C-alpha atoms as a PDB file:
ATOM      1  CA  MET A   1       0.000   0.000   0.000  1.00  0.00           C
ATOM      2  CA  ASN A   2       1.311   3.414  -0.854  1.00  0.00           C
ATOM      3  CA  GLY A   3      -0.889   5.369   1.561  1.00  0.00           C
ATOM      4  CA  GLN A   4      -2.961   6.867  -1.242  1.00  0.00           C
ATOM      5  CA  PRO A   5      -6.720   6.263  -1.131  1.00  0.00           C
ATOM      6  CA  SER A   6      -7.977   3.923  -3.803  1.00  0.00           C
ATOM      7  CA  ARG A   7     -10.923   4.773  -6.044  1.00  0.00           C
ATOM      8  CA  ARG A   8     -13.071   2.523  -3.843  1.00  0.00           C
ATOM      9  CA  ASP A   9     -12.218   4.639  -0.810  1.00  0.00           C
ATOM     10  CA  ASP A  10     -13.463   7.758  -2.639  1.00  0.00           C
ATOM     11  CA  ARG A  11     -17.048   6.505  -2.768  1.00  0.00           C
ATOM     12  CA  SER A  12     -19.656   7.856  -0.389  1.00  0.00           C
ATOM     13  CA  VAL A  13     -22.968   6.637   0.984  1.00  0.00           C
ATOM     14  CA  PRO A  14     -25.877   9.096   0.919  1.00  0.00           C
ATOM     15  CA  ILE A  15     -27.683   9.593   4.210  1.00  0.00           C
ATOM     16  CA  GLU A  16     -30.369  12.257   4.452  1.00  0.00           C
ATOM     17  CA  VAL A  17     -31.635  13.671   7.731  1.00  0.00           C
ATOM     18  CA  THR A  18     -34.890  15.601   7.362  1.00  0.00           C
ATOM     19  CA  LEU A  19     -36.778  17.833   9.770  1.00  0.00           C
ATOM     20  CA  ALA A  20     -40.121  18.979   8.341  1.00  0.00           C
ATOM     21  CA  GLY A  21     -42.638  21.613   9.271  1.00  0.00           C
ATOM     22  CA  ASP A  22     -46.418  21.161   9.361  1.00  0.00           C
ATOM     23  CA  ASP A  23     -46.916  22.030   5.687  1.00  0.00           C
ATOM     24  CA  ASP A  24     -43.949  20.082   4.291  1.00  0.00           C
ATOM     25  CA  GLU A  25     -44.466  16.961   2.218  1.00  0.00           C
ATOM     26  CA  ARG A  26     -44.115  13.665   4.067  1.00  0.00           C
ATOM     27  CA  PRO A  27     -42.080  10.768   2.671  1.00  0.00           C
ATOM     28  CA  SER A  28     -43.879   8.096   0.681  1.00  0.00           C
ATOM     29  CA  VAL A  29     -43.128   4.506   1.632  1.00  0.00           C
ATOM     30  CA  VAL A  30     -44.014   1.157   0.101  1.00  0.00           C
ATOM     31  CA  ASP A  31     -47.193  -0.253   1.694  1.00  0.00           C
ATOM     32  CA  GLY A  32     -46.518  -3.139   4.056  1.00  0.00           C
ATOM     33  CA  SER A  33     -42.748  -2.541   4.115  1.00  0.00           C
ATOM     34  CA  ARG A  34     -42.437  -1.471   7.752  1.00  0.00           C
ATOM     35  CA  LEU A  35     -39.937  -3.487   9.750  1.00  0.00           C
ATOM     36  CA  ASP A  36     -38.597  -2.609  13.194  1.00  0.00           C
ATOM     37  CA  VAL A  37     -34.799  -2.860  13.278  1.00  0.00           C
ATOM     38  CA  ALA A  38     -32.824  -3.558  16.454  1.00  0.00           C
ATOM     39  CA  VAL A  39     -29.881  -1.272  17.137  1.00  0.00           C
ATOM     40  CA  ASP A  40     -28.047  -1.613  20.432  1.00  0.00           C
ATOM     41  CA  GLY A  41     -30.993  -3.396  22.026  1.00  0.00           C
ATOM     42  CA  ARG A  42     -33.699  -0.940  20.900  1.00  0.00           C
ATOM     43  CA  LEU A  43     -36.165  -1.252  18.050  1.00  0.00           C
ATOM     44  CA  TYR A  44     -36.536   1.542  15.499  1.00  0.00           C
ATOM     45  CA  PRO A  45     -39.228   1.686  12.814  1.00  0.00           C
ATOM     46  CA  THR A  46     -38.055   1.525   9.195  1.00  0.00           C
ATOM     47  CA  ALA A  47     -39.842   1.294   5.858  1.00  0.00           C
ATOM     48  CA  GLU A  48     -38.841   1.061   2.220  1.00  0.00           C
ATOM     49  CA  LEU A  49     -39.041   4.248   0.186  1.00  0.00           C
ATOM     50  CA  HIS A  50     -40.416   4.135  -3.349  1.00  0.00           C
ATOM     51  CA  ASP A  51     -36.947   5.050  -4.676  1.00  0.00           C
ATOM     52  CA  GLY A  52     -35.452   1.868  -3.196  1.00  0.00           C
ATOM     53  CA  GLY A  53     -33.874   3.473  -0.138  1.00  0.00           C
ATOM     54  CA  TYR A  54     -35.026   3.069   3.448  1.00  0.00           C
ATOM     55  CA  LEU A  55     -36.453   5.408   6.027  1.00  0.00           C
ATOM     56  CA  ALA A  56     -36.270   5.421   9.818  1.00  0.00           C
ATOM     57  CA  TRP A  57     -38.288   7.912  11.843  1.00  0.00           C
ATOM     58  CA  TRP A  58     -38.160   9.482  15.278  1.00  0.00           C
ATOM     59  CA  PHE A  59     -40.294   7.215  17.410  1.00  0.00           C
ATOM     60  CA  THR A  60     -39.571   4.076  19.344  1.00  0.00           C
ATOM     61  CA  ALA A  61     -41.164   0.962  17.910  1.00  0.00           C
ATOM     62  CA  GLY A  62     -43.854   0.663  20.587  1.00  0.00           C
ATOM     63  CA  ASP A  63     -45.630   3.973  19.949  1.00  0.00           C
ATOM     64  CA  THR A  64     -44.903   4.597  16.285  1.00  0.00           C
ATOM     65  CA  PRO A  65     -47.282   6.546  14.075  1.00  0.00           C
ATOM     66  CA  ALA A  66     -46.974   6.144  10.321  1.00  0.00           C
ATOM     67  CA  PRO A  67     -44.002   7.898   8.709  1.00  0.00           C
ATOM     68  CA  ASP A  68     -46.387  10.253   6.904  1.00  0.00           C
ATOM     69  CA  ALA A  69     -48.480  11.125  10.018  1.00  0.00           C
ATOM     70  CA  ASP A  70     -48.684  14.799  10.955  1.00  0.00           C
ATOM     71  CA  VAL A  71     -46.877  14.160  14.258  1.00  0.00           C
ATOM     72  CA  THR A  72     -43.935  12.539  12.459  1.00  0.00           C
ATOM     73  CA  THR A  73     -41.522  15.311  11.523  1.00  0.00           C
ATOM     74  CA  GLU A  74     -38.017  13.814  11.614  1.00  0.00           C
ATOM     75  CA  TRP A  75     -36.621  11.099   9.357  1.00  0.00           C
ATOM     76  CA  VAL A  76     -33.355   9.502   8.323  1.00  0.00           C
ATOM     77  CA  ALA A  77     -33.137   8.084   4.790  1.00  0.00           C
ATOM     78  CA  ALA A  78     -30.288   5.741   3.827  1.00  0.00           C
ATOM     79  CA  PRO A  79     -29.510   2.935   1.366  1.00  0.00           C
ATOM     80  CA  THR A  80     -30.176   0.195   3.967  1.00  0.00           C
ATOM     81  CA  ARG A  81     -32.633  -0.257   6.817  1.00  0.00           C
ATOM     82  CA  PHE A  82     -29.869  -0.788   9.358  1.00  0.00           C
ATOM     83  CA  LEU A  83     -27.929   2.281   8.267  1.00  0.00           C
ATOM     84  CA  ALA A  84     -31.069   4.433   8.550  1.00  0.00           C
ATOM     85  CA  ALA A  85     -31.919   2.995  11.981  1.00  0.00           C
ATOM     86  CA  ALA A  86     -28.325   3.166  13.261  1.00  0.00           C
ATOM     87  CA  THR A  87     -27.991   6.796  12.156  1.00  0.00           C
ATOM     88  CA  LEU A  88     -31.281   7.582  13.856  1.00  0.00           C
ATOM     89  CA  ARG A  89     -30.036   5.881  17.026  1.00  0.00           C
ATOM     90  CA  GLU A  90     -26.781   7.839  16.973  1.00  0.00           C
ATOM     91  CA  LEU A  91     -28.577  11.164  16.540  1.00  0.00           C
ATOM     92  CA  TRP A  92     -31.111  10.190  19.208  1.00  0.00           C
ATOM     93  CA  GLU A  93     -28.296   9.480  21.661  1.00  0.00           C
ATOM     94  CA  ASP A  94     -26.473  12.724  20.803  1.00  0.00           C
ATOM     95  CA  PRO A  95     -29.007  15.401  19.767  1.00  0.00           C
ATOM     96  CA  ALA A  96     -26.192  17.955  19.485  1.00  0.00           C
ATOM     97  CA  ALA A  97     -24.883  15.906  16.534  1.00  0.00           C
ATOM     98  CA  PHE A  98     -28.058  16.809  14.641  1.00  0.00           C
ATOM     99  CA  ASP A  99     -27.435  20.492  15.322  1.00  0.00           C
ATOM    100  CA  ARG A 100     -23.832  20.140  14.107  1.00  0.00           C
ATOM    101  CA  LEU A 101     -25.050  18.514  10.889  1.00  0.00           C
ATOM    102  CA  VAL A 102     -27.544  21.300  10.281  1.00  0.00           C
ATOM    103  CA  GLU A 103     -24.929  23.983  10.935  1.00  0.00           C
ATOM    104  CA  SER A 104     -22.351  22.346   8.645  1.00  0.00           C
ATOM    105  CA  SER A 105     -24.892  22.099   5.823  1.00  0.00           C
ATOM    106  CA  ARG A 106     -25.556  25.842   6.079  1.00  0.00           C
ATOM    107  CA  SER A 107     -21.847  26.715   5.710  1.00  0.00           C
END
């Protein structure tokens, strides 16, 4: 190895964190695709998006409204269910990380 990154290392994985207001459009998921994913001993709701990605949203599995319900306003979209749920878990555990992401996207 010469210490230079390979072309494979240059690839990135898209993860989208969304915070919506009352009038913003809600994500559209495939009917019947909800599956609760375990991350670090907790279950997080996920569903398949129509574009083939996956969505996790800000509720624990026991009291989860639909991802397009009016009370649902925060989502993580990622290429896999686990990545969406794990990102959600990380942001849930460290809410300041969400603020840092928002601030860096404004710069």
